[in-house]
Amino acid sequence: MNKLQKRLRREMGRAIEDFQMIEDGDKVMVCLSGGKDSYAMLDILMNLQRSAPVNFELVAVNLDQKQPGFPEHVLPAYLESIGVPFHILERDTYSVVKEVVPEGKTTCALCSRLRRGSLYGFAEEIGANKIALGHHRDDILETLFLNMFYGGKLKSMPPKLVSDDGKNMVIRPLAYAREKDIAAFAELRGFPIIPCNLCGSQENLQRQVIKEMLQTWDKNFPGRIETMFRSLQHVVPSHLADTELFDFKGLKHGFPHGIDPNSDTSLRPDNAPTEEAVQTFNPQKIDVLSL
């Protein structure tokens, strides 16, 4: 238990530092669904808070979407027992989803959008400047392959982002953590898990296929998952094929790698763009993921 907790704590601390997720004076709204990931995230954040070099506030928030059979007493009882400030936000998104989505179709996408909108608005209401979500390394890799296989885009789930309207900053402190470690930690800690199938919606079959593929690779080819995740941190735009991300037309003979040092219209083909080259990076081209 102690070894596992230390590893998860170390990985979260590294993610927070690498992406500057939490700063002095932050008020972090920790979104708690009742699943293993969000329980683990809150637990480790509280542990880090006690020894962090900066002061920050944590407030747990659960969105009660009025799904039939949802055990309303579980989360308040747990949160009171650990002494963390919390809010239970009640929004009947279940009825909205059931009214809009045809019978037999998966409700996950619309449910997620409605949930995100409610949480974003509530964060502003309580003065939280950061919103912490419990996505982990496996979620990030699954999203990468989902976008490649089904969306034709090379994008994943960023550890930190600002919402489209610029009002909310979302962080994913578990970005470096493995799902199997989180599952083992949740079992050892005995978190009161609430299942995510109360609405009766079909499981996201595409994501499940990707998950099983990655699990098979992890079993048959140890280390492959770690290598794939590292690739997300070592992107070389000049070795892809996006003409809006890299100025292939600006490549010239007679210069190393075809890059004219006096030009400010080209990205270097290595991992360290120069100050001049940064101008050609087009952030508008990078889609901000749906959460």
Protein backbone atom coordinates (compact mmCIF):
# COMPACT_ATOMS: atom_id res chain seq x y z
CA MET A 1 0.00 0.00 0.00
CA ASN A 2 2.69 2.47 1.04
CA LYS A 3 4.80 1.73 -2.06
CA LEU A 4 1.82 2.10 -4.38
CA GLN A 5 0.71 5.32 -2.71
CA LYS A 6 4.21 6.75 -2.98
CA ARG A 7 4.37 5.95 -6.69
CA LEU A 8 1.02 7.58 -7.42
CA ARG A 9 1.93 10.56 -5.28
CA ARG A 10 5.26 10.93 -7.08
CA GLU A 11 3.62 10.70 -10.51
CA MET A 12 0.98 13.27 -9.59
CA GLY A 13 3.59 15.60 -8.15
CA ARG A 14 5.64 15.34 -11.34
CA ALA A 15 2.61 16.03 -13.55
CA ILE A 16 1.67 19.06 -11.45
CA GLU A 17 5.21 20.40 -11.72
CA ASP A 18 5.71 19.62 -15.43
CA PHE A 19 2.52 21.42 -16.47
CA GLN A 20 2.36 23.94 -13.60
CA MET A 21 -1.12 22.69 -12.77
CA ILE A 22 -1.36 24.15 -9.27
CA GLU A 23 0.07 27.44 -8.03
CA ASP A 24 0.07 29.35 -4.78
CA GLY A 25 -3.40 30.62 -3.87
CA ASP A 26 -5.31 28.34 -6.26
CA LYS A 27 -8.76 27.12 -5.42
CA VAL A 28 -9.07 23.69 -7.03
CA MET A 29 -12.50 22.21 -7.65
CA VAL A 30 -12.02 18.44 -7.56
CA CYS A 31 -14.74 16.76 -9.61
CA LEU A 32 -15.83 13.59 -7.85
CA SER A 33 -17.99 11.11 -9.75
CA GLY A 34 -17.85 8.24 -7.31
CA GLY A 35 -15.52 6.20 -9.53
CA LYS A 36 -12.07 4.89 -8.61
CA ASP A 37 -10.17 7.56 -10.56
CA SER A 38 -11.74 10.62 -8.95
CA TYR A 39 -11.56 9.08 -5.46
CA ALA A 40 -7.85 8.40 -5.94
CA MET A 41 -7.27 11.88 -7.34
CA LEU A 42 -8.88 13.55 -4.32
CA ASP A 43 -7.06 11.28 -1.87
CA ILE A 44 -3.63 11.98 -3.35
CA LEU A 45 -4.28 15.71 -3.79
CA MET A 46 -5.17 15.94 -0.10
CA ASN A 47 -1.97 14.08 0.73
CA LEU A 48 0.12 16.44 -1.41
CA GLN A 49 -1.63 19.48 0.01
CA ARG A 50 -0.25 18.74 3.47
CA SER A 51 3.38 18.97 2.32
CA ALA A 52 3.24 21.11 -0.81
CA PRO A 53 5.57 24.14 -1.04
CA VAL A 54 2.57 26.26 -2.08
CA ASN A 55 -0.77 26.88 -0.41
CA PHE A 56 -3.86 25.85 -2.32
CA GLU A 57 -7.47 25.08 -1.47
CA LEU A 58 -9.40 21.95 -2.37
CA VAL A 59 -13.16 21.68 -2.67
CA ALA A 60 -14.83 18.48 -3.83
CA VAL A 61 -17.87 18.72 -6.09
CA ASN A 62 -20.20 15.94 -7.17
CA LEU A 63 -22.83 16.44 -9.85
CA ASP A 64 -26.01 14.52 -9.00
CA GLN A 65 -27.57 14.05 -12.43
CA LYS A 66 -30.69 12.39 -10.99
CA GLN A 67 -30.04 8.99 -12.47
CA PRO A 68 -32.48 6.38 -11.17
CA GLY A 69 -30.96 4.40 -8.32
CA PHE A 70 -28.14 6.84 -7.64
CA PRO A 71 -27.13 6.41 -3.98
CA GLU A 72 -27.29 10.04 -2.89
CA HIS A 73 -26.02 9.35 0.61
CA VAL A 74 -22.70 7.70 -0.33
CA LEU A 75 -20.59 10.68 -1.37
CA PRO A 76 -21.73 13.15 1.32
CA ALA A 77 -21.05 10.56 4.01
CA TYR A 78 -17.59 9.80 2.61
CA LEU A 79 -16.62 13.45 2.14
CA GLU A 80 -17.75 14.36 5.64
CA SER A 81 -15.70 11.48 7.03
CA ILE A 82 -12.45 12.77 5.45
CA GLY A 83 -13.11 16.39 6.35
CA VAL A 84 -12.89 18.00 2.92
CA PRO A 85 -15.18 20.92 1.95
CA PHE A 86 -17.69 19.76 -0.64
CA HIS A 87 -20.79 20.59 -2.64
CA ILE A 88 -23.40 18.30 -4.16
CA LEU A 89 -24.66 19.98 -7.31
CA GLU A 90 -28.11 18.75 -8.36
CA ARG A 91 -28.96 18.95 -12.05
CA ASP A 92 -31.52 16.70 -13.73
CA THR A 93 -29.51 16.10 -16.89
CA TYR A 94 -30.76 12.51 -16.98
CA SER A 95 -34.26 13.58 -18.04
CA VAL A 96 -32.84 15.91 -20.69
CA VAL A 97 -30.67 13.17 -22.16
CA LYS A 98 -33.48 10.62 -22.21
CA GLU A 99 -35.75 13.09 -23.95
CA VAL A 100 -33.24 14.02 -26.64
CA VAL A 101 -31.40 10.76 -27.39
CA PRO A 102 -33.36 8.06 -29.28
CA GLU A 103 -34.01 4.79 -27.46
CA GLY A 104 -31.14 2.34 -27.85
CA LYS A 105 -28.52 4.99 -28.66
CA THR A 106 -25.67 5.71 -26.29
CA THR A 107 -26.22 8.77 -24.13
CA CYS A 108 -22.60 9.24 -23.02
CA ALA A 109 -21.65 12.10 -25.38
CA LEU A 110 -24.60 14.37 -24.57
CA CYS A 111 -24.43 13.47 -20.89
CA SER A 112 -20.76 14.47 -20.85
CA ARG A 113 -21.42 17.83 -22.51
CA LEU A 114 -24.24 18.67 -20.10
CA ARG A 115 -22.12 17.61 -17.13
CA ARG A 116 -19.20 19.71 -18.34
CA GLY A 117 -21.36 22.79 -18.76
CA SER A 118 -22.81 22.43 -15.26
CA LEU A 119 -19.40 21.98 -13.66
CA TYR A 120 -17.82 24.88 -15.54
CA GLY A 121 -20.59 27.21 -14.43
CA PHE A 122 -20.43 26.05 -10.82
CA ALA A 123 -16.65 26.54 -10.70
CA GLU A 124 -17.17 30.21 -11.52
CA GLU A 125 -19.94 30.43 -8.93
CA ILE A 126 -17.72 29.21 -6.07
CA GLY A 127 -14.62 31.05 -7.24
CA ALA A 128 -12.58 28.00 -8.22
CA ASN A 129 -9.87 28.90 -10.74
CA LYS A 130 -8.86 25.29 -11.46
CA ILE A 131 -11.04 22.26 -12.25
CA ALA A 132 -9.39 18.89 -11.56
CA LEU A 133 -10.58 15.85 -13.53
CA GLY A 134 -9.58 12.24 -12.88
CA HIS A 135 -8.37 11.16 -16.32
CA HIS A 136 -5.18 9.09 -16.27
CA ARG A 137 -2.46 7.99 -18.67
CA ASP A 138 -4.56 5.18 -20.15
CA ASP A 139 -7.41 7.62 -20.89
CA ILE A 140 -4.97 9.90 -22.70
CA LEU A 141 -3.62 7.09 -24.88
CA GLU A 142 -7.10 5.71 -25.57
CA THR A 143 -8.19 9.15 -26.74
CA LEU A 144 -5.16 9.38 -29.03
CA PHE A 145 -6.11 6.17 -30.82
CA LEU A 146 -9.82 6.99 -30.85
CA ASN A 147 -9.07 10.23 -32.68
CA MET A 148 -6.74 8.50 -35.13
CA PHE A 149 -8.99 5.52 -35.84
CA TYR A 150 -12.37 7.24 -35.89
CA GLY A 151 -11.72 10.98 -36.21
CA GLY A 152 -8.78 11.25 -38.58
CA LYS A 153 -6.95 13.60 -36.21
CA LEU A 154 -3.68 13.35 -34.33
CA LYS A 155 -4.76 14.65 -30.93
CA SER A 156 -5.25 13.37 -27.45
CA MET A 157 -6.42 14.57 -24.04
CA PRO A 158 -4.14 17.32 -22.68
CA PRO A 159 -3.03 17.32 -19.04
CA LYS A 160 -3.95 21.01 -18.85
CA LEU A 161 -6.20 23.22 -20.94
CA VAL A 162 -8.29 26.37 -20.91
CA SER A 163 -11.94 26.08 -21.96
CA ASP A 164 -13.03 27.52 -25.29
CA ASP A 165 -14.50 30.62 -23.65
CA GLY A 166 -11.32 31.21 -21.66
CA LYS A 167 -13.10 31.16 -18.31
CA ASN A 168 -12.06 27.79 -16.89
CA MET A 169 -8.72 26.01 -16.56
CA VAL A 170 -8.91 22.23 -16.47
CA ILE A 171 -6.13 20.09 -15.02
CA ARG A 172 -5.62 16.31 -15.00
CA PRO A 173 -3.27 15.54 -12.09
CA LEU A 174 -3.37 11.77 -12.80
CA ALA A 175 -1.99 12.24 -16.32
CA TYR A 176 1.13 10.16 -15.55
CA ALA A 177 -0.65 7.46 -13.51
CA ARG A 178 -1.48 3.98 -14.79
CA GLU A 179 -5.07 2.82 -14.53
CA LYS A 180 -4.07 -0.52 -13.04
CA ASP A 181 -2.22 1.27 -10.25
CA ILE A 182 -5.24 3.45 -9.55
CA ALA A 183 -7.53 0.40 -9.49
CA ALA A 184 -5.24 -1.39 -7.03
CA PHE A 185 -5.00 1.73 -4.87
CA ALA A 186 -8.78 2.19 -4.84
CA GLU A 187 -9.27 -1.41 -3.76
CA LEU A 188 -6.74 -1.11 -0.97
CA ARG A 189 -8.27 2.15 0.24
CA GLY A 190 -11.77 0.71 0.14
CA PHE A 191 -13.38 3.67 -1.60
CA PRO A 192 -17.22 3.43 -1.79
CA ILE A 193 -17.37 3.07 -5.57
CA ILE A 194 -20.54 4.14 -7.39
CA PRO A 195 -20.98 2.40 -10.79
CA CYS A 196 -21.25 4.50 -13.95
CA ASN A 197 -24.00 2.41 -15.55
CA LEU A 198 -26.99 3.57 -13.53
CA CYS A 199 -28.46 5.32 -16.56
CA GLY A 200 -28.64 2.05 -18.49
CA SER A 201 -26.72 3.55 -21.42
CA GLN A 202 -24.65 1.34 -23.67
CA GLU A 203 -20.96 1.26 -22.94
CA ASN A 204 -18.79 3.32 -25.27
CA LEU A 205 -17.90 0.39 -27.50
CA GLN A 206 -15.23 2.20 -29.52
CA ARG A 207 -13.33 3.22 -26.40
CA GLN A 208 -13.70 -0.28 -24.97
CA VAL A 209 -12.15 -1.80 -28.11
CA ILE A 210 -9.18 0.59 -27.82
CA LYS A 211 -8.83 -0.16 -24.11
CA GLU A 212 -8.69 -3.91 -24.75
CA MET A 213 -6.13 -3.36 -27.53
CA LEU A 214 -3.85 -1.39 -25.20
CA GLN A 215 -4.26 -3.91 -22.40
CA THR A 216 -3.25 -6.71 -24.77
CA TRP A 217 -0.17 -4.76 -25.86
CA ASP A 218 0.73 -4.04 -22.25
CA LYS A 219 0.55 -7.75 -21.44
CA ASN A 220 2.36 -9.04 -24.53
CA PHE A 221 4.86 -6.22 -25.01
CA PRO A 222 5.92 -4.80 -21.64
CA GLY A 223 7.05 -1.20 -21.91
CA ARG A 224 5.14 -0.40 -25.10
CA ILE A 225 2.54 1.73 -23.29
CA GLU A 226 5.25 3.78 -21.61
CA THR A 227 7.01 4.32 -24.94
CA MET A 228 3.80 5.42 -26.64
CA PHE A 229 3.06 7.90 -23.91
CA ARG A 230 6.57 9.34 -24.17
CA SER A 231 5.91 9.96 -27.87
CA LEU A 232 3.23 12.46 -26.88
CA GLN A 233 5.94 14.49 -25.16
CA HIS A 234 8.37 14.40 -28.07
CA VAL A 235 6.46 15.69 -31.09
CA VAL A 236 8.41 16.62 -34.23
CA PRO A 237 6.09 18.67 -36.49
CA SER A 238 8.55 18.58 -39.42
CA HIS A 239 8.21 14.80 -39.56
CA LEU A 240 4.44 14.76 -39.80
CA ALA A 241 2.34 16.06 -42.71
CA ASP A 242 0.35 19.02 -41.41
CA THR A 243 1.09 22.01 -43.63
CA GLU A 244 -0.57 24.39 -41.19
CA LEU A 245 1.58 23.18 -38.30
CA PHE A 246 4.88 23.24 -40.18
CA ASP A 247 5.94 25.40 -43.12
CA PHE A 248 7.08 22.73 -45.59
CA LYS A 249 6.84 25.25 -48.46
CA GLY A 250 9.43 27.42 -46.71
CA LEU A 251 12.15 24.74 -46.73
CA LYS A 252 15.21 25.86 -48.70
CA HIS A 253 18.33 24.30 -50.23
CA GLY A 254 21.66 25.28 -48.75
CA PHE A 255 20.61 25.40 -45.09
CA PRO A 256 20.81 22.69 -42.41
CA HIS A 257 17.48 20.84 -42.44
CA GLY A 258 16.29 23.35 -45.04
CA ILE A 259 15.74 26.01 -42.37
CA ASP A 260 16.82 29.56 -43.18
CA PRO A 261 17.98 31.02 -39.82
CA ASN A 262 16.97 34.48 -41.02
CA SER A 263 13.44 33.40 -41.76
CA ASP A 264 10.66 33.54 -39.17
CA THR A 265 8.25 31.40 -41.16
CA SER A 266 9.58 27.90 -40.46
CA LEU A 267 9.69 25.51 -37.54
CA ARG A 268 12.90 23.66 -36.87
CA PRO A 269 12.62 19.88 -37.38
CA ASP A 270 13.91 19.14 -33.89
CA ASN A 271 12.13 19.35 -30.56
CA ALA A 272 13.31 22.85 -29.66
CA PRO A 273 11.84 25.63 -31.83
CA THR A 274 13.87 28.84 -31.83
CA GLU A 275 12.37 32.09 -30.63
CA GLU A 276 11.80 33.14 -34.23
CA ALA A 277 10.31 29.80 -35.23
CA VAL A 278 7.63 29.91 -32.57
CA GLN A 279 5.72 32.37 -34.72
CA THR A 280 4.84 29.67 -37.23
CA PHE A 281 3.26 27.35 -34.66
CA ASN A 282 -0.46 27.69 -35.21
CA PRO A 283 -2.38 27.11 -31.95
CA GLN A 284 -5.66 27.52 -33.82
CA LYS A 285 -4.85 24.27 -35.59
CA ILE A 286 -4.69 22.29 -32.33
CA ASP A 287 -8.19 21.29 -31.36
CA VAL A 288 -9.08 21.58 -27.70
CA LEU A 289 -10.51 18.21 -26.67
CA SER A 290 -13.96 17.70 -25.36
CA LEU A 291 -13.62 16.57 -21.78
